[in-house]
Structures are given as structure tokens and as C-alpha cells.
Amino acid sequence: MVKGKDSIKSGINKVRELLKQNRLFIHKSCKNLIAEFETYAYPDKRPNQPEPEKPIKENDHALDALRYAIMGTFTLNLESDEEEQADRLRSRLKQTVNQTK
């Protein structure tokens, strides 16, 4: 996976979205992950500064792993979907060329 601009923010938003949509479930045996969810925090906002976008980098290994897995899965799905779409377009192009011969 290639780390891009705002990749942490994007990953957090994707995990949040999946949880809200009931498409991601955390098993009760994932005690470290649950504890990290409960203690996840952002730095305090400073006066005259925008809201901090990156969480405090502390006790977040399980959450990082979840984010990497989610973003890697969605990236792989996107790439395979794009490849399938390209294959369909190539097939249509061949059919069109064959029909014009």
C-alpha cells in the first residue's frame, strides 16, 4: 500500500464509515483493539488553530493494523474492479472491431 497525503485521516474515516454502516464488527475477544478504541484521542485544539487531524500517536498499534487492513482491502477491491472494467472495455472494443470487418 502506498501512503498518500491524508492517508491516516482517510483510513480513520473509512473505519468510522464501516462501523456506522454496520459493515465492520469488532469481536469481544479483541480486547486490545477495544481498549485502543476507548482511549483514542486527538491533541487539544489550540486557539486560532484548525482542529488537529492526526490522533495522538500512543497505544494505537491494533487500530493502525485495522486501518491498514481496511485500506489495503478497499484498495485491492478498487484495483480489481478497475481491472475488470478495463477487461470489459477491451472486450467491447474487440467486438466492435470484429463487427466492422
C-alpha atoms as a PDB file:
ATOM      1  CA  MET A   1       0.000   0.000   0.000  1.00  0.00           C
ATOM      2  CA  VAL A   2       1.295   3.414  -0.943  1.00  0.00           C
ATOM      3  CA  LYS A   3       0.927   6.013   1.775  1.00  0.00           C
ATOM      4  CA  GLY A   4      -0.649   9.112   0.359  1.00  0.00           C
ATOM      5  CA  LYS A   5      -1.471  12.576   1.563  1.00  0.00           C
ATOM      6  CA  ASP A   6      -4.069  12.410   4.346  1.00  0.00           C
ATOM      7  CA  SER A   7      -3.844   8.587   4.408  1.00  0.00           C
ATOM      8  CA  ILE A   8      -4.286   8.465   8.187  1.00  0.00           C
ATOM      9  CA  LYS A   9      -7.347  10.695   8.031  1.00  0.00           C
ATOM     10  CA  SER A  10      -8.749   8.711   5.089  1.00  0.00           C
ATOM     11  CA  GLY A  11      -8.199   5.425   6.892  1.00  0.00           C
ATOM     12  CA  ILE A  12      -9.837   6.654  10.086  1.00  0.00           C
ATOM     13  CA  ASN A  13     -12.797   7.961   8.096  1.00  0.00           C
ATOM     14  CA  LYS A  14     -13.160   4.632   6.258  1.00  0.00           C
ATOM     15  CA  VAL A  15     -13.135   2.642   9.526  1.00  0.00           C
ATOM     16  CA  ARG A  16     -15.647   5.085  11.042  1.00  0.00           C
ATOM     17  CA  GLU A  17     -17.886   4.815   7.961  1.00  0.00           C
ATOM     18  CA  LEU A  18     -17.837   0.999   8.017  1.00  0.00           C
ATOM     19  CA  LEU A  19     -18.668   0.921  11.726  1.00  0.00           C
ATOM     20  CA  LYS A  20     -21.591   3.330  11.254  1.00  0.00           C
ATOM     21  CA  GLN A  21     -22.909   1.258   8.336  1.00  0.00           C
ATOM     22  CA  ASN A  22     -22.678  -1.957  10.395  1.00  0.00           C
ATOM     23  CA  ARG A  23     -20.283  -3.363   7.819  1.00  0.00           C
ATOM     24  CA  LEU A  24     -17.422  -3.760  10.291  1.00  0.00           C
ATOM     25  CA  PHE A  25     -17.769  -5.623  13.570  1.00  0.00           C
ATOM     26  CA  ILE A  26     -15.228  -5.990  16.365  1.00  0.00           C
ATOM     27  CA  HIS A  27     -15.321  -9.307  18.219  1.00  0.00           C
ATOM     28  CA  LYS A  28     -15.365  -9.106  22.015  1.00  0.00           C
ATOM     29  CA  SER A  29     -12.168 -11.189  22.155  1.00  0.00           C
ATOM     30  CA  CYS A  30     -10.258  -8.285  20.520  1.00  0.00           C
ATOM     31  CA  LYS A  31      -9.570  -6.735  23.907  1.00  0.00           C
ATOM     32  CA  ASN A  32      -6.538  -4.656  22.860  1.00  0.00           C
ATOM     33  CA  LEU A  33      -8.377  -3.207  19.877  1.00  0.00           C
ATOM     34  CA  ILE A  34     -11.401  -2.334  22.023  1.00  0.00           C
ATOM     35  CA  ALA A  35      -9.160  -0.706  24.650  1.00  0.00           C
ATOM     36  CA  GLU A  36      -7.472   1.355  21.936  1.00  0.00           C
ATOM     37  CA  PHE A  37     -10.846   2.493  20.572  1.00  0.00           C
ATOM     38  CA  GLU A  38     -11.761   3.642  24.072  1.00  0.00           C
ATOM     39  CA  THR A  39      -8.539   5.637  24.566  1.00  0.00           C
ATOM     40  CA  TYR A  40      -8.079   7.015  21.038  1.00  0.00           C
ATOM     41  CA  ALA A  41      -7.675  10.778  21.280  1.00  0.00           C
ATOM     42  CA  TYR A  42      -6.677  13.878  19.379  1.00  0.00           C
ATOM     43  CA  PRO A  43      -4.466  16.683  20.688  1.00  0.00           C
ATOM     44  CA  ASP A  44      -6.276  19.603  22.315  1.00  0.00           C
ATOM     45  CA  LYS A  45      -7.242  22.359  19.921  1.00  0.00           C
ATOM     46  CA  ARG A  46      -5.061  25.413  20.213  1.00  0.00           C
ATOM     47  CA  PRO A  47      -6.588  28.887  19.987  1.00  0.00           C
ATOM     48  CA  ASN A  48      -6.586  30.327  16.473  1.00  0.00           C
ATOM     49  CA  GLN A  49      -5.519  26.948  15.013  1.00  0.00           C
ATOM     50  CA  PRO A  50      -7.536  24.457  12.965  1.00  0.00           C
ATOM     51  CA  GLU A  51      -8.680  21.210  14.583  1.00  0.00           C
ATOM     52  CA  PRO A  52      -5.819  18.681  14.704  1.00  0.00           C
ATOM     53  CA  GLU A  53      -6.342  15.978  12.075  1.00  0.00           C
ATOM     54  CA  LYS A  54      -3.891  13.381  13.357  1.00  0.00           C
ATOM     55  CA  PRO A  55      -4.621  11.464  16.553  1.00  0.00           C
ATOM     56  CA  ILE A  56      -2.153  11.239  19.401  1.00  0.00           C
ATOM     57  CA  LYS A  57       0.363   8.549  18.413  1.00  0.00           C
ATOM     58  CA  GLU A  58       0.095   6.436  21.551  1.00  0.00           C
ATOM     59  CA  ASN A  59      -1.265   2.929  22.251  1.00  0.00           C
ATOM     60  CA  ASP A  60      -2.633   2.575  18.743  1.00  0.00           C
ATOM     61  CA  HIS A  61      -0.916  -0.453  17.198  1.00  0.00           C
ATOM     62  CA  ALA A  62      -4.095  -2.528  16.875  1.00  0.00           C
ATOM     63  CA  LEU A  63      -6.029   0.429  15.454  1.00  0.00           C
ATOM     64  CA  ASP A  64      -3.229   1.093  12.964  1.00  0.00           C
ATOM     65  CA  ALA A  65      -3.328  -2.566  11.905  1.00  0.00           C
ATOM     66  CA  LEU A  66      -7.106  -2.385  11.460  1.00  0.00           C
ATOM     67  CA  ARG A  67      -6.768   0.772   9.384  1.00  0.00           C
ATOM     68  CA  TYR A  68      -4.036  -0.778   7.207  1.00  0.00           C
ATOM     69  CA  ALA A  69      -6.134  -3.905   6.662  1.00  0.00           C
ATOM     70  CA  ILE A  70      -9.249  -1.921   5.779  1.00  0.00           C
ATOM     71  CA  MET A  71      -7.477   0.445   3.412  1.00  0.00           C
ATOM     72  CA  GLY A  72      -5.500  -2.380   1.824  1.00  0.00           C
ATOM     73  CA  THR A  73      -8.692  -4.368   1.279  1.00  0.00           C
ATOM     74  CA  PHE A  74     -10.527  -1.443  -0.259  1.00  0.00           C
ATOM     75  CA  THR A  75      -7.510  -0.577  -2.401  1.00  0.00           C
ATOM     76  CA  LEU A  76      -7.282  -4.168  -3.649  1.00  0.00           C
ATOM     77  CA  ASN A  77     -11.007  -4.277  -4.381  1.00  0.00           C
ATOM     78  CA  LEU A  78     -10.795  -0.996  -6.245  1.00  0.00           C
ATOM     79  CA  GLU A  79      -7.832  -2.211  -8.304  1.00  0.00           C
ATOM     80  CA  SER A  80      -9.559  -5.485  -9.200  1.00  0.00           C
ATOM     81  CA  ASP A  81     -12.767  -3.604 -10.082  1.00  0.00           C
ATOM     82  CA  GLU A  82     -10.765  -1.277 -12.333  1.00  0.00           C
ATOM     83  CA  GLU A  83      -9.040  -4.252 -13.969  1.00  0.00           C
ATOM     84  CA  GLU A  84     -12.401  -5.954 -14.585  1.00  0.00           C
ATOM     85  CA  GLN A  85     -13.747  -2.750 -16.079  1.00  0.00           C
ATOM     86  CA  ALA A  86     -10.701  -2.461 -18.346  1.00  0.00           C
ATOM     87  CA  ASP A  87     -11.169  -6.093 -19.454  1.00  0.00           C
ATOM     88  CA  ARG A  88     -14.820  -5.420 -20.312  1.00  0.00           C
ATOM     89  CA  LEU A  89     -13.860  -2.328 -22.305  1.00  0.00           C
ATOM     90  CA  ARG A  90     -11.171  -4.278 -24.206  1.00  0.00           C
ATOM     91  CA  SER A  91     -13.710  -6.993 -24.975  1.00  0.00           C
ATOM     92  CA  ARG A  92     -16.250  -4.467 -26.275  1.00  0.00           C
ATOM     93  CA  LEU A  93     -13.589  -2.811 -28.401  1.00  0.00           C
ATOM     94  CA  LYS A  94     -12.635  -6.169 -29.949  1.00  0.00           C
ATOM     95  CA  GLN A  95     -16.312  -6.919 -30.671  1.00  0.00           C
ATOM     96  CA  THR A  96     -16.756  -3.527 -32.284  1.00  0.00           C
ATOM     97  CA  VAL A  97     -13.631  -4.011 -34.442  1.00  0.00           C
ATOM     98  CA  ASN A  98     -14.759  -7.504 -35.467  1.00  0.00           C
ATOM     99  CA  GLN A  99     -18.237  -6.232 -36.398  1.00  0.00           C
ATOM    100  CA  THR A 100     -16.799  -3.562 -38.670  1.00  0.00           C
ATOM    101  CA  LYS A 101     -14.647  -6.030 -40.622  1.00  0.00           C
END
